Amino acid sequence: MTDTETSPRAVAPAALQQSLAELLGERAQSLTIERDELTLTVRPADYLAVMTLLRDAPVARFEQLVDLCGIDYSTYGDGRWEGQRFAAVSHLLSVSLNQRLRVRVFCADDDFPVLPSVTSLWASANWYEREAFDLFGIVFEGHPDLRRILTDYGFHGHPLRKDFPM
């Protein structure tokens, strides 16, 4: 047997976009393809439910959270960004269906960015969420051990925020 016979063919982003649009309905704020990669944007209120569905639904089956990082959009587009300032971006992988997805969720409050934790869905989120908390100040509600991971425990501020003093 060759490699192509033992593993499923990669799902085209457009096909995944269509099946996720049907699966998520109004919970998908946007589903965009850029550079042959699919990005799903969801509201903070829908984030945990959508992530659970992406893990469990037969058309999605994203068994692995490959990465989760924080983003500060305050200077995005030469400072012309008009949306929420902070977001968390996750990269999901379905090994069984050979498909990938980027999920972006913006924090509702720029002054105190809070999102639900997905550590109950993927254990790998533990350190990624701690890193986003430490470097960007994004608080993940329900995280079992949310504390600094890269900076000193007595450190003040979040060094990857665009307004952090150099």
Protein backbone atom coordinates (compact mmCIF):
# COMPACT_ATOMS: atom_id res chain seq x y z
CA MET A 1 0.00 0.00 0.00
CA THR A 2 1.18 3.48 -0.75
CA ASP A 3 0.87 6.49 1.53
CA THR A 4 -2.10 7.80 -0.40
CA GLU A 5 -3.96 4.52 0.08
CA THR A 6 -3.50 4.45 3.86
CA SER A 7 -4.29 8.05 4.73
CA PRO A 8 -7.36 10.09 3.79
CA ARG A 9 -6.96 12.73 1.11
CA ALA A 10 -6.66 16.27 2.40
CA VAL A 11 -9.98 18.08 2.48
CA ALA A 12 -9.99 21.17 0.26
CA PRO A 13 -10.50 24.37 2.26
CA ALA A 14 -13.63 25.22 0.25
CA ALA A 15 -15.22 21.85 1.07
CA LEU A 16 -14.37 22.24 4.75
CA GLN A 17 -15.70 25.80 4.65
CA GLN A 18 -19.04 24.54 3.33
CA SER A 19 -19.39 21.71 5.84
CA LEU A 20 -18.45 23.97 8.77
CA ALA A 21 -20.90 26.66 7.61
CA GLU A 22 -23.66 24.04 7.70
CA LEU A 23 -22.49 22.64 11.04
CA LEU A 24 -22.06 25.96 12.86
CA GLY A 25 -24.71 28.16 11.27
CA GLU A 26 -24.96 31.54 13.01
CA ARG A 27 -22.20 30.63 15.46
CA ALA A 28 -19.68 31.13 12.64
CA GLN A 29 -19.07 34.87 12.57
CA SER A 30 -16.92 34.39 9.47
CA LEU A 31 -15.30 31.56 7.48
CA THR A 32 -12.62 32.88 5.16
CA ILE A 33 -10.05 31.25 2.93
CA GLU A 34 -6.78 33.06 2.44
CA ARG A 35 -3.57 31.55 1.09
CA ASP A 36 -5.39 28.21 0.84
CA GLU A 37 -6.04 28.17 4.62
CA LEU A 38 -9.44 28.34 6.30
CA THR A 39 -10.02 30.69 9.23
CA LEU A 40 -13.13 30.55 11.39
CA THR A 41 -13.96 33.56 13.57
CA VAL A 42 -16.37 33.09 16.47
CA ARG A 43 -17.80 35.29 19.21
CA PRO A 44 -16.47 34.86 22.76
CA ALA A 45 -19.92 33.69 23.95
CA ASP A 46 -19.90 30.87 21.36
CA TYR A 47 -16.21 29.95 21.65
CA LEU A 48 -16.37 26.97 24.02
CA ALA A 49 -19.47 25.45 22.39
CA VAL A 50 -17.97 25.83 18.91
CA MET A 51 -14.66 24.32 19.98
CA THR A 52 -16.48 21.37 21.54
CA LEU A 53 -18.44 20.86 18.34
CA LEU A 54 -15.27 21.06 16.25
CA ARG A 55 -13.73 18.33 18.36
CA ASP A 56 -16.78 16.04 18.49
CA ALA A 57 -18.78 16.48 15.27
CA PRO A 58 -18.22 13.71 12.68
CA VAL A 59 -17.62 16.23 9.87
CA ALA A 60 -14.93 18.03 11.89
CA ARG A 61 -13.21 15.62 14.32
CA PHE A 62 -10.39 18.00 15.24
CA GLU A 63 -8.59 15.68 17.63
CA GLN A 64 -5.58 17.92 18.17
CA LEU A 65 -5.05 21.49 19.20
CA VAL A 66 -1.68 22.14 17.58
CA ASP A 67 -1.22 25.73 18.76
CA LEU A 68 -2.95 28.57 20.56
CA CYS A 69 -1.51 32.07 20.75
CA GLY A 70 -2.52 35.58 21.69
CA ILE A 71 -2.56 38.52 19.29
CA ASP A 72 -2.62 42.27 19.94
CA TYR A 73 -4.28 43.93 16.94
CA SER A 74 -3.82 47.51 18.22
CA THR A 75 -1.26 48.39 15.53
CA TYR A 76 -2.51 46.02 12.84
CA GLY A 77 -2.83 47.60 9.40
CA ASP A 78 -0.65 50.60 10.28
CA GLY A 79 -2.81 51.41 13.29
CA ARG A 80 -6.06 51.57 11.34
CA TRP A 81 -7.57 48.52 13.08
CA GLU A 82 -11.08 49.28 14.32
CA GLY A 83 -12.09 45.99 15.94
CA GLN A 84 -11.40 44.47 19.32
CA ARG A 85 -7.75 44.65 20.38
CA PHE A 86 -6.98 41.14 21.70
CA ALA A 87 -7.66 37.74 20.17
CA ALA A 88 -6.69 34.14 20.69
CA VAL A 89 -5.96 32.09 17.60
CA SER A 90 -5.96 28.29 17.67
CA HIS A 91 -4.78 25.85 15.03
CA LEU A 92 -6.69 22.58 14.98
CA LEU A 93 -5.80 19.34 13.22
CA SER A 94 -7.98 16.39 12.32
CA VAL A 95 -5.64 13.48 11.72
CA SER A 96 -8.50 11.15 10.89
CA LEU A 97 -9.96 13.48 8.23
CA ASN A 98 -6.67 15.11 7.18
CA GLN A 99 -7.90 18.68 7.62
CA ARG A 100 -6.71 21.81 9.39
CA LEU A 101 -8.51 24.86 10.71
CA ARG A 102 -7.55 28.18 12.27
CA VAL A 103 -10.03 29.48 14.86
CA ARG A 104 -9.93 33.13 15.93
CA VAL A 105 -11.87 34.61 18.82
CA PHE A 106 -11.66 38.25 19.87
CA CYS A 107 -11.89 39.19 23.55
CA ALA A 108 -14.99 41.26 24.27
CA ASP A 109 -13.23 43.73 26.60
CA ASP A 110 -9.94 45.40 25.61
CA ASP A 111 -9.26 46.55 29.19
CA PHE A 112 -9.68 43.08 30.71
CA PRO A 113 -9.45 40.41 27.98
CA VAL A 114 -11.17 37.19 29.07
CA LEU A 115 -12.00 34.00 27.17
CA PRO A 116 -13.14 30.54 28.24
CA SER A 117 -10.41 27.95 28.60
CA VAL A 118 -10.34 24.96 26.24
CA THR A 119 -8.08 22.87 28.50
CA SER A 120 -11.03 20.56 29.22
CA LEU A 121 -11.16 19.77 25.48
CA TRP A 122 -7.45 19.53 24.65
CA ALA A 123 -4.78 19.09 27.32
CA SER A 124 -2.25 20.79 25.05
CA ALA A 125 -4.09 24.10 25.61
CA ASN A 126 -2.70 24.25 29.16
CA TRP A 127 0.69 25.74 28.37
CA TYR A 128 -0.49 27.67 25.32
CA GLU A 129 -3.13 29.49 27.37
CA ARG A 130 -0.60 30.17 30.12
CA GLU A 131 1.73 31.69 27.52
CA ALA A 132 -1.05 33.92 26.09
CA PHE A 133 -1.90 34.99 29.64
CA ASP A 134 1.70 35.76 30.53
CA LEU A 135 2.66 37.59 27.34
CA PHE A 136 -0.65 39.29 26.39
CA GLY A 137 -2.69 39.34 29.61
CA ILE A 138 -5.55 37.26 28.20
CA VAL A 139 -7.32 35.55 31.10
CA PHE A 140 -8.71 32.08 30.37
CA GLU A 141 -11.68 31.39 32.63
CA GLY A 142 -11.76 27.85 33.93
CA HIS A 143 -8.04 27.22 33.36
CA PRO A 144 -6.80 24.84 36.08
CA ASP A 145 -3.46 26.62 36.71
CA LEU A 146 -3.35 30.04 35.06
CA ARG A 147 -0.03 31.58 36.07
CA ARG A 148 3.01 33.02 34.37
CA ILE A 149 5.07 30.58 32.34
CA LEU A 150 7.83 32.61 30.61
CA THR A 151 8.34 35.68 32.79
CA ASP A 152 9.16 35.89 36.48
CA TYR A 153 6.24 35.50 38.90
CA GLY A 154 6.82 39.04 40.20
CA PHE A 155 6.97 40.53 36.71
CA HIS A 156 4.57 43.40 36.02
CA GLY A 157 2.92 43.77 32.63
CA HIS A 158 2.63 41.66 29.52
CA PRO A 159 5.67 42.01 27.22
CA LEU A 160 4.03 41.21 23.86
CA ARG A 161 1.38 43.89 24.17
CA LYS A 162 2.07 46.62 21.64
CA ASP A 163 1.97 49.30 24.36
CA PHE A 164 4.51 47.56 26.63
CA PRO A 165 7.39 49.97 27.35
CA MET A 166 10.65 48.95 25.71
